[in-house]
Amino acid sequence: VNISDSNEETKLMASLLFSANSRHALNYGKPDAFPRFFNEYKKLKRTGASMGTSATLAYYGIADAGELEEDNLAFDELNPRTYFVFDGLKFPALAQVKENLRDNDIEIPKGVAALLKLDENKAYKRILEDMKTTFIWKAQKAELRCKQVAMKVTQKIGLYDVLHRLHHR
């Protein structure tokens, strides 16, 4: 069990664990595949910039990004389905990258197109992920609520201190 030390750390953990795109990036990303990307990324990280399409391709080890630039238009910052979070910075999700490349009529190299097609999220997978996340949140909320009720009831009837001491032995 890891308990965060600050609100920022809690927000970072939540953005990683409760976002399907961030979990996908953690599972399949290869941020160290292109050393130049990783060095450029570390420089931009200090500024808190949002990454662009080329950064996502480099993060997944699909194509080298060259020199990274901040790109706030590559995804919708208010819609978590359009980005993933890595190390506190936002990157466009793979599906968003594909959409950006298609919308801007950029010719996609065959290897990149094949990889993007492989990593496409199907609607049913996204629905299942959303349902799973909702279930986990509701189960945790119900567990907390039960503990609170049990604590109040045992306090009212005078058993709380006895049970608390027994539990911690």
N, C-alpha and C. Protein backbone atom coordinates (compact mmCIF):
# COMPACT_ATOMS: atom_id res chain seq x y z
N VAL A 1 0.85 -1.16 0.00
CA VAL A 1 0.00 0.00 0.00
C VAL A 1 0.90 1.23 0.00
N ASN A 2 0.62 2.14 -0.89
CA ASN A 2 1.38 3.39 -0.96
C ASN A 2 0.44 4.54 -0.63
N ILE A 3 0.84 5.35 0.32
CA ILE A 3 0.06 6.53 0.68
C ILE A 3 0.83 7.73 0.14
N SER A 4 0.14 8.57 -0.59
CA SER A 4 0.81 9.71 -1.20
C SER A 4 1.18 10.74 -0.14
N ASP A 5 2.20 11.52 -0.46
CA ASP A 5 2.71 12.53 0.48
C ASP A 5 2.08 13.90 0.27
N SER A 6 1.45 14.10 -0.90
CA SER A 6 0.91 15.42 -1.19
C SER A 6 -0.31 15.30 -2.11
N ASN A 7 -1.05 16.40 -2.23
CA ASN A 7 -2.19 16.41 -3.15
C ASN A 7 -1.74 16.21 -4.58
N GLU A 8 -0.60 16.79 -4.96
CA GLU A 8 -0.10 16.66 -6.33
C GLU A 8 0.20 15.20 -6.65
N GLU A 9 0.80 14.49 -5.70
CA GLU A 9 1.12 13.08 -5.89
C GLU A 9 -0.16 12.26 -6.03
N THR A 10 -1.17 12.59 -5.25
CA THR A 10 -2.46 11.89 -5.32
C THR A 10 -3.10 12.10 -6.68
N LYS A 11 -3.08 13.35 -7.16
CA LYS A 11 -3.65 13.65 -8.48
C LYS A 11 -2.90 12.92 -9.58
N LEU A 12 -1.57 12.84 -9.47
CA LEU A 12 -0.77 12.13 -10.47
C LEU A 12 -1.12 10.65 -10.50
N MET A 13 -1.22 10.03 -9.31
CA MET A 13 -1.57 8.61 -9.25
C MET A 13 -2.97 8.37 -9.83
N ALA A 14 -3.92 9.24 -9.51
CA ALA A 14 -5.28 9.08 -10.04
C ALA A 14 -5.29 9.24 -11.55
N SER A 15 -4.53 10.19 -12.08
CA SER A 15 -4.51 10.39 -13.54
C SER A 15 -3.89 9.20 -14.25
N LEU A 16 -3.01 8.48 -13.59
CA LEU A 16 -2.41 7.29 -14.19
C LEU A 16 -3.32 6.07 -14.10
N LEU A 17 -3.91 5.87 -12.95
CA LEU A 17 -4.65 4.63 -12.71
C LEU A 17 -6.09 4.65 -13.22
N PHE A 18 -6.72 5.81 -13.25
CA PHE A 18 -8.13 5.85 -13.62
C PHE A 18 -8.37 6.35 -15.04
N SER A 19 -7.34 6.34 -15.84
CA SER A 19 -7.46 6.71 -17.25
C SER A 19 -7.02 5.53 -18.10
N ALA A 20 -7.90 5.06 -18.97
CA ALA A 20 -7.56 3.92 -19.82
C ALA A 20 -6.36 4.25 -20.71
N ASN A 21 -6.29 5.49 -21.21
CA ASN A 21 -5.17 5.87 -22.06
C ASN A 21 -3.85 5.86 -21.30
N SER A 22 -3.87 6.32 -20.05
CA SER A 22 -2.64 6.33 -19.25
C SER A 22 -2.21 4.91 -18.90
N ARG A 23 -3.17 4.04 -18.58
CA ARG A 23 -2.81 2.64 -18.30
C ARG A 23 -2.23 1.99 -19.54
N HIS A 24 -2.82 2.27 -20.70
CA HIS A 24 -2.30 1.71 -21.96
C HIS A 24 -0.86 2.20 -22.18
N ALA A 25 -0.62 3.48 -21.94
CA ALA A 25 0.71 4.05 -22.12
C ALA A 25 1.72 3.41 -21.16
N LEU A 26 1.30 3.19 -19.91
CA LEU A 26 2.19 2.55 -18.94
C LEU A 26 2.52 1.12 -19.36
N ASN A 27 1.53 0.41 -19.90
CA ASN A 27 1.73 -0.99 -20.28
C ASN A 27 2.52 -1.16 -21.57
N TYR A 28 2.31 -0.28 -22.55
CA TYR A 28 2.87 -0.49 -23.87
C TYR A 28 3.88 0.56 -24.31
N GLY A 29 4.02 1.63 -23.55
CA GLY A 29 4.95 2.69 -23.93
C GLY A 29 6.39 2.27 -23.78
N LYS A 30 7.24 2.90 -24.59
CA LYS A 30 8.69 2.64 -24.55
C LYS A 30 9.39 4.00 -24.57
N PRO A 31 9.27 4.77 -23.47
CA PRO A 31 9.79 6.14 -23.48
C PRO A 31 11.30 6.22 -23.67
N ASP A 32 12.00 5.13 -23.42
CA ASP A 32 13.45 5.16 -23.59
C ASP A 32 13.90 4.55 -24.93
N ALA A 33 12.96 4.29 -25.84
CA ALA A 33 13.29 3.69 -27.15
C ALA A 33 14.16 4.63 -27.98
N PHE A 34 13.92 5.93 -27.87
CA PHE A 34 14.70 6.92 -28.60
C PHE A 34 15.38 7.84 -27.59
N PRO A 35 16.67 7.66 -27.35
CA PRO A 35 17.37 8.46 -26.33
C PRO A 35 17.23 9.97 -26.54
N ARG A 36 17.26 10.40 -27.80
CA ARG A 36 17.15 11.84 -28.07
C ARG A 36 15.78 12.36 -27.60
N PHE A 37 14.72 11.57 -27.85
CA PHE A 37 13.37 11.95 -27.38
C PHE A 37 13.37 12.11 -25.87
N PHE A 38 13.97 11.14 -25.19
CA PHE A 38 13.95 11.16 -23.73
C PHE A 38 14.68 12.39 -23.19
N ASN A 39 15.81 12.75 -23.81
CA ASN A 39 16.55 13.94 -23.38
C ASN A 39 15.75 15.22 -23.64
N GLU A 40 15.13 15.31 -24.82
CA GLU A 40 14.30 16.48 -25.15
C GLU A 40 13.11 16.56 -24.20
N TYR A 41 12.53 15.41 -23.91
CA TYR A 41 11.37 15.35 -23.01
C TYR A 41 11.73 15.89 -21.63
N LYS A 42 12.90 15.49 -21.12
CA LYS A 42 13.32 15.95 -19.79
C LYS A 42 13.46 17.48 -19.76
N LYS A 43 13.93 18.06 -20.86
CA LYS A 43 14.05 19.53 -20.93
C LYS A 43 12.67 20.19 -20.89
N LEU A 44 11.73 19.65 -21.69
CA LEU A 44 10.39 20.24 -21.75
C LEU A 44 9.59 19.99 -20.49
N LYS A 45 9.90 18.92 -19.77
CA LYS A 45 9.16 18.58 -18.55
C LYS A 45 9.26 19.72 -17.54
N ARG A 46 10.39 20.36 -17.50
CA ARG A 46 10.59 21.46 -16.55
C ARG A 46 9.61 22.61 -16.80
N THR A 47 9.18 22.76 -18.05
CA THR A 47 8.27 23.87 -18.39
C THR A 47 6.81 23.52 -18.16
N GLY A 48 6.49 22.22 -17.97
CA GLY A 48 5.11 21.80 -17.78
C GLY A 48 4.32 21.83 -19.08
N ALA A 49 5.00 21.69 -20.20
CA ALA A 49 4.37 21.78 -21.52
C ALA A 49 3.49 20.57 -21.81
N SER A 50 2.56 20.73 -22.75
CA SER A 50 1.78 19.61 -23.26
C SER A 50 2.46 19.12 -24.52
N MET A 51 2.55 17.82 -24.66
CA MET A 51 3.27 17.22 -25.79
C MET A 51 2.37 17.13 -27.02
N GLY A 52 2.98 16.96 -28.18
CA GLY A 52 2.25 16.85 -29.44
C GLY A 52 2.28 15.45 -30.00
N THR A 53 1.77 15.32 -31.21
CA THR A 53 1.64 14.04 -31.90
C THR A 53 2.97 13.30 -32.01
N SER A 54 4.02 13.99 -32.40
CA SER A 54 5.32 13.33 -32.58
C SER A 54 5.86 12.78 -31.26
N ALA A 55 5.55 13.46 -30.16
CA ALA A 55 6.00 12.99 -28.85
C ALA A 55 5.32 11.67 -28.48
N THR A 56 4.04 11.54 -28.83
CA THR A 56 3.34 10.29 -28.54
C THR A 56 3.94 9.14 -29.34
N LEU A 57 4.20 9.38 -30.62
CA LEU A 57 4.80 8.34 -31.46
C LEU A 57 6.17 7.92 -30.92
N ALA A 58 6.95 8.87 -30.44
CA ALA A 58 8.25 8.55 -29.87
C ALA A 58 8.09 7.84 -28.53
N TYR A 59 7.13 8.27 -27.73
CA TYR A 59 6.90 7.64 -26.42
C TYR A 59 6.60 6.15 -26.59
N TYR A 60 5.80 5.80 -27.58
CA TYR A 60 5.45 4.40 -27.82
C TYR A 60 6.53 3.65 -28.59
N GLY A 61 7.61 4.34 -28.99
CA GLY A 61 8.68 3.68 -29.73
C GLY A 61 8.32 3.43 -31.18
N ILE A 62 7.35 4.18 -31.73
CA ILE A 62 6.89 3.99 -33.10
C ILE A 62 7.76 4.76 -34.08
N ALA A 63 8.05 6.02 -33.78
CA ALA A 63 8.85 6.86 -34.67
C ALA A 63 9.56 7.91 -33.85
N ASP A 64 10.81 8.23 -34.24
CA ASP A 64 11.57 9.24 -33.52
C ASP A 64 10.95 10.61 -33.73
N ALA A 65 10.89 11.39 -32.68
CA ALA A 65 10.21 12.69 -32.73
C ALA A 65 11.09 13.82 -33.20
N GLY A 66 12.40 13.63 -33.17
CA GLY A 66 13.26 14.75 -33.50
C GLY A 66 13.23 15.74 -32.35
N GLU A 67 13.13 17.02 -32.67
CA GLU A 67 13.07 18.04 -31.63
C GLU A 67 11.62 18.23 -31.18
N LEU A 68 11.38 18.09 -29.90
CA LEU A 68 10.02 18.20 -29.37
C LEU A 68 9.62 19.65 -29.22
N GLU A 69 8.35 19.90 -29.45
CA GLU A 69 7.80 21.23 -29.23
C GLU A 69 6.50 21.10 -28.46
N GLU A 70 6.18 22.14 -27.72
CA GLU A 70 4.92 22.17 -26.99
C GLU A 70 3.77 22.28 -28.00
N ASP A 71 2.70 21.52 -27.76
CA ASP A 71 1.55 21.55 -28.67
C ASP A 71 0.27 21.41 -27.86
N ASN A 72 -0.39 22.53 -27.58
CA ASN A 72 -1.63 22.51 -26.81
C ASN A 72 -2.85 22.19 -27.67
N LEU A 73 -2.67 22.13 -28.99
CA LEU A 73 -3.80 21.88 -29.88
C LEU A 73 -3.92 20.42 -30.31
N ALA A 74 -3.00 19.57 -29.86
CA ALA A 74 -2.99 18.17 -30.29
C ALA A 74 -4.11 17.36 -29.64
N PHE A 75 -4.70 17.87 -28.56
CA PHE A 75 -5.77 17.15 -27.87
C PHE A 75 -6.57 18.15 -27.04
N ASP A 76 -7.72 17.71 -26.56
CA ASP A 76 -8.59 18.53 -25.74
C ASP A 76 -8.21 18.32 -24.27
N GLU A 77 -7.64 19.33 -23.64
CA GLU A 77 -7.17 19.21 -22.25
C GLU A 77 -8.30 18.91 -21.27
N LEU A 78 -9.54 19.20 -21.65
CA LEU A 78 -10.68 18.97 -20.76
C LEU A 78 -11.31 17.60 -20.97
N ASN A 79 -10.85 16.86 -21.98
CA ASN A 79 -11.41 15.55 -22.28
C ASN A 79 -10.33 14.49 -22.10
N PRO A 80 -10.36 13.74 -20.98
CA PRO A 80 -9.31 12.76 -20.70
C PRO A 80 -9.27 11.60 -21.69
N ARG A 81 -10.28 11.46 -22.54
CA ARG A 81 -10.24 10.40 -23.57
C ARG A 81 -9.28 10.76 -24.71
N THR A 82 -8.83 12.02 -24.75
CA THR A 82 -7.98 12.46 -25.86
C THR A 82 -6.50 12.51 -25.49
N TYR A 83 -6.15 12.20 -24.23
CA TYR A 83 -4.74 12.27 -23.84
C TYR A 83 -4.43 11.22 -22.79
N PHE A 84 -3.13 11.02 -22.56
CA PHE A 84 -2.68 10.21 -21.43
C PHE A 84 -1.64 11.03 -20.68
N VAL A 85 -1.40 10.65 -19.45
CA VAL A 85 -0.46 11.37 -18.61
C VAL A 85 0.75 10.48 -18.35
N PHE A 86 1.93 11.04 -18.57
CA PHE A 86 3.17 10.35 -18.25
C PHE A 86 4.05 11.33 -17.50
N ASP A 87 4.43 10.96 -16.30
CA ASP A 87 5.35 11.77 -15.50
C ASP A 87 4.83 13.19 -15.31
N GLY A 88 3.51 13.34 -15.21
CA GLY A 88 2.91 14.64 -14.96
C GLY A 88 2.61 15.47 -16.20
N LEU A 89 3.03 15.02 -17.39
CA LEU A 89 2.77 15.76 -18.62
C LEU A 89 1.73 15.03 -19.46
N LYS A 90 0.96 15.81 -20.21
CA LYS A 90 -0.10 15.25 -21.05
C LYS A 90 0.41 15.04 -22.47
N PHE A 91 0.11 13.86 -23.02
CA PHE A 91 0.43 13.49 -24.39
C PHE A 91 -0.87 13.14 -25.10
N PRO A 92 -0.99 13.40 -26.40
CA PRO A 92 -2.19 12.95 -27.12
C PRO A 92 -2.26 11.42 -27.12
N ALA A 93 -3.45 10.86 -26.92
CA ALA A 93 -3.64 9.41 -26.96
C ALA A 93 -3.42 8.91 -28.39
N LEU A 94 -3.16 7.61 -28.54
CA LEU A 94 -2.91 7.06 -29.87
C LEU A 94 -4.08 7.29 -30.82
N ALA A 95 -5.30 7.11 -30.34
CA ALA A 95 -6.46 7.35 -31.21
C ALA A 95 -6.51 8.81 -31.64
N GLN A 96 -6.15 9.72 -30.75
CA GLN A 96 -6.13 11.15 -31.06
C GLN A 96 -5.03 11.46 -32.08
N VAL A 97 -3.90 10.79 -31.95
CA VAL A 97 -2.80 10.97 -32.91
C VAL A 97 -3.26 10.58 -34.30
N LYS A 98 -3.91 9.44 -34.38
CA LYS A 98 -4.40 8.97 -35.69
C LYS A 98 -5.38 9.98 -36.28
N GLU A 99 -6.28 10.47 -35.44
CA GLU A 99 -7.27 11.47 -35.89
C GLU A 99 -6.58 12.76 -36.34
N ASN A 100 -5.58 13.21 -35.58
CA ASN A 100 -4.84 14.42 -35.94
C ASN A 100 -4.14 14.26 -37.28
N LEU A 101 -3.51 13.09 -37.49
CA LEU A 101 -2.80 12.86 -38.74
C LEU A 101 -3.78 12.82 -39.91
N ARG A 102 -4.94 12.19 -39.70
CA ARG A 102 -5.96 12.10 -40.76
C ARG A 102 -6.56 13.48 -41.06
N ASP A 103 -6.86 14.25 -40.01
CA ASP A 103 -7.47 15.57 -40.19
C ASP A 103 -6.55 16.55 -40.89
N ASN A 104 -5.25 16.42 -40.65
CA ASN A 104 -4.30 17.35 -41.25
C ASN A 104 -3.75 16.86 -42.58
N ASP A 105 -4.32 15.77 -43.09
CA ASP A 105 -3.90 15.18 -44.38
C ASP A 105 -2.39 14.94 -44.44
N ILE A 106 -1.84 14.46 -43.35
CA ILE A 106 -0.41 14.12 -43.32
C ILE A 106 -0.28 12.67 -43.75
N GLU A 107 0.61 12.41 -44.67
CA GLU A 107 0.81 11.03 -45.12
C GLU A 107 1.48 10.25 -43.99
N ILE A 108 0.84 9.16 -43.61
CA ILE A 108 1.34 8.34 -42.52
C ILE A 108 2.19 7.22 -43.11
N PRO A 109 3.45 7.09 -42.69
CA PRO A 109 4.27 5.98 -43.18
C PRO A 109 3.60 4.65 -42.88
N LYS A 110 3.81 3.65 -43.75
CA LYS A 110 3.10 2.37 -43.62
C LYS A 110 3.30 1.71 -42.26
N GLY A 111 4.52 1.70 -41.76
CA GLY A 111 4.78 1.08 -40.46
C GLY A 111 4.03 1.77 -39.33
N VAL A 112 3.99 3.08 -39.38
CA VAL A 112 3.28 3.85 -38.35
C VAL A 112 1.79 3.59 -38.45
N ALA A 113 1.26 3.57 -39.67
CA ALA A 113 -0.17 3.32 -39.88
C ALA A 113 -0.56 1.95 -39.34
N ALA A 114 0.27 0.95 -39.58
CA ALA A 114 -0.03 -0.40 -39.10
C ALA A 114 -0.04 -0.45 -37.58
N LEU A 115 0.93 0.20 -36.96
CA LEU A 115 0.98 0.21 -35.50
C LEU A 115 -0.20 0.96 -34.91
N LEU A 116 -0.56 2.08 -35.52
CA LEU A 116 -1.71 2.84 -35.01
C LEU A 116 -2.98 2.03 -35.14
N LYS A 117 -3.11 1.28 -36.21
CA LYS A 117 -4.30 0.46 -36.40
C LYS A 117 -4.36 -0.65 -35.35
N LEU A 118 -3.22 -1.24 -35.05
CA LEU A 118 -3.18 -2.30 -34.03
C LEU A 118 -3.60 -1.79 -32.66
N ASP A 119 -3.20 -0.56 -32.33
CA ASP A 119 -3.46 -0.03 -30.99
C ASP A 119 -4.77 0.72 -30.86
N GLU A 120 -5.61 0.68 -31.91
CA GLU A 120 -6.89 1.37 -31.84
C GLU A 120 -7.75 0.77 -30.74
N ASN A 121 -8.39 1.61 -29.97
CA ASN A 121 -9.31 1.12 -28.95
C ASN A 121 -10.69 0.95 -29.57
N LYS A 122 -11.27 -0.19 -29.39
CA LYS A 122 -12.63 -0.44 -29.85
C LYS A 122 -13.60 0.13 -28.82
N ALA A 123 -14.78 0.50 -29.29
CA ALA A 123 -15.77 1.14 -28.42
C ALA A 123 -16.14 0.24 -27.24
N TYR A 124 -16.29 -1.06 -27.50
CA TYR A 124 -16.70 -1.95 -26.40
C TYR A 124 -15.62 -2.06 -25.34
N LYS A 125 -14.35 -2.01 -25.73
CA LYS A 125 -13.28 -2.06 -24.74
C LYS A 125 -13.32 -0.83 -23.84
N ARG A 126 -13.58 0.31 -24.46
CA ARG A 126 -13.65 1.56 -23.71
C ARG A 126 -14.83 1.53 -22.74
N ILE A 127 -15.97 1.01 -23.19
CA ILE A 127 -17.15 0.92 -22.32
C ILE A 127 -16.85 0.00 -21.14
N LEU A 128 -16.19 -1.14 -21.41
CA LEU A 128 -15.84 -2.07 -20.34
C LEU A 128 -14.88 -1.43 -19.34
N GLU A 129 -13.90 -0.69 -19.84
CA GLU A 129 -12.96 0.00 -18.96
C GLU A 129 -13.69 1.02 -18.08
N ASP A 130 -14.60 1.77 -18.68
CA ASP A 130 -15.37 2.76 -17.92
C ASP A 130 -16.22 2.09 -16.86
N MET A 131 -16.86 0.97 -17.23
CA MET A 131 -17.69 0.24 -16.27
C MET A 131 -16.84 -0.31 -15.13
N LYS A 132 -15.66 -0.83 -15.47
CA LYS A 132 -14.77 -1.39 -14.47
C LYS A 132 -14.32 -0.30 -13.48
N THR A 133 -13.94 0.85 -14.01
CA THR A 133 -13.50 1.96 -13.17
C THR A 133 -14.64 2.44 -12.27
N THR A 134 -15.83 2.57 -12.84
CA THR A 134 -17.00 3.00 -12.07
C THR A 134 -17.30 1.99 -10.96
N PHE A 135 -17.23 0.70 -11.28
CA PHE A 135 -17.48 -0.34 -10.29
C PHE A 135 -16.48 -0.25 -9.13
N ILE A 136 -15.21 -0.07 -9.46
CA ILE A 136 -14.18 0.02 -8.42
C ILE A 136 -14.44 1.22 -7.52
N TRP A 137 -14.75 2.38 -8.12
CA TRP A 137 -15.03 3.58 -7.33
C TRP A 137 -16.24 3.36 -6.42
N LYS A 138 -17.31 2.77 -6.97
CA LYS A 138 -18.52 2.55 -6.16
C LYS A 138 -18.28 1.53 -5.06
N ALA A 139 -17.50 0.49 -5.35
CA ALA A 139 -17.20 -0.52 -4.33
C ALA A 139 -16.38 0.11 -3.19
N GLN A 140 -15.42 0.93 -3.53
CA GLN A 140 -14.62 1.59 -2.50
C GLN A 140 -15.46 2.55 -1.68
N LYS A 141 -16.36 3.26 -2.35
CA LYS A 141 -17.24 4.20 -1.65
C LYS A 141 -18.18 3.45 -0.71
N ALA A 142 -18.72 2.30 -1.17
CA ALA A 142 -19.62 1.49 -0.33
C ALA A 142 -18.87 0.93 0.87
N GLU A 143 -17.64 0.48 0.67
CA GLU A 143 -16.84 -0.06 1.77
C GLU A 143 -16.59 1.03 2.82
N LEU A 144 -16.24 2.21 2.36
CA LEU A 144 -16.00 3.32 3.29
C LEU A 144 -17.27 3.67 4.05
N ARG A 145 -18.39 3.71 3.34
CA ARG A 145 -19.67 4.02 3.96
C ARG A 145 -20.02 2.98 5.04
N CYS A 146 -19.79 1.69 4.74
CA CYS A 146 -20.07 0.62 5.72
C CYS A 146 -19.20 0.79 6.96
N LYS A 147 -17.92 1.11 6.76
CA LYS A 147 -17.03 1.31 7.90
C LYS A 147 -17.48 2.48 8.76
N GLN A 148 -17.93 3.56 8.10
CA GLN A 148 -18.39 4.73 8.84
C GLN A 148 -19.64 4.40 9.66
N VAL A 149 -20.57 3.68 9.06
CA VAL A 149 -21.81 3.30 9.77
C VAL A 149 -21.47 2.38 10.93
N ALA A 150 -20.60 1.38 10.70
CA ALA A 150 -20.23 0.45 11.76
C ALA A 150 -19.56 1.20 12.92
N MET A 151 -18.71 2.16 12.59
CA MET A 151 -18.03 2.93 13.62
C MET A 151 -19.04 3.74 14.44
N LYS A 152 -19.99 4.39 13.78
CA LYS A 152 -20.99 5.19 14.49
C LYS A 152 -21.88 4.32 15.37
N VAL A 153 -22.30 3.16 14.85
CA VAL A 153 -23.17 2.27 15.62
C VAL A 153 -22.45 1.75 16.86
N THR A 154 -21.19 1.31 16.67
CA THR A 154 -20.45 0.77 17.83
C THR A 154 -20.12 1.87 18.84
N GLN A 155 -19.95 3.11 18.38
CA GLN A 155 -19.74 4.22 19.31
C GLN A 155 -21.01 4.48 20.13
N LYS A 156 -22.17 4.43 19.46
CA LYS A 156 -23.45 4.69 20.14
C LYS A 156 -23.74 3.65 21.22
N ILE A 157 -23.41 2.37 20.92
CA ILE A 157 -23.72 1.32 21.90
C ILE A 157 -22.57 1.06 22.87
N GLY A 158 -21.47 1.80 22.72
CA GLY A 158 -20.37 1.72 23.68
C GLY A 158 -19.38 0.61 23.43
N LEU A 159 -19.37 -0.01 22.27
CA LEU A 159 -18.45 -1.11 21.98
C LEU A 159 -17.24 -0.69 21.15
N TYR A 160 -17.21 0.53 20.69
CA TYR A 160 -16.16 0.95 19.76
C TYR A 160 -14.76 0.79 20.35
N ASP A 161 -14.54 1.30 21.59
CA ASP A 161 -13.21 1.24 22.19
C ASP A 161 -12.75 -0.20 22.40
N VAL A 162 -13.65 -1.06 22.83
CA VAL A 162 -13.31 -2.47 23.06
C VAL A 162 -12.94 -3.13 21.74
N LEU A 163 -13.77 -2.97 20.72
CA LEU A 163 -13.50 -3.57 19.40
C LEU A 163 -12.24 -3.01 18.77
N HIS A 164 -12.02 -1.73 18.95
CA HIS A 164 -10.84 -1.08 18.38
C HIS A 164 -9.57 -1.66 18.99
N ARG A 165 -9.58 -1.85 20.33
CA ARG A 165 -8.41 -2.44 21.00
C ARG A 165 -8.20 -3.89 20.56
N LEU A 166 -9.28 -4.66 20.43
CA LEU A 166 -9.17 -6.04 19.98
C LEU A 166 -8.62 -6.13 18.55
N HIS A 167 -9.08 -5.24 17.72
CA HIS A 167 -8.66 -5.25 16.30
C HIS A 167 -7.17 -4.94 16.15
N HIS A 168 -6.63 -4.09 17.00
CA HIS A 168 -5.23 -3.67 16.87
C HIS A 168 -4.27 -4.54 17.67
N ARG A 169 -4.73 -5.64 18.21
CA ARG A 169 -3.82 -6.56 18.93
C ARG A 169 -3.13 -7.47 17.99
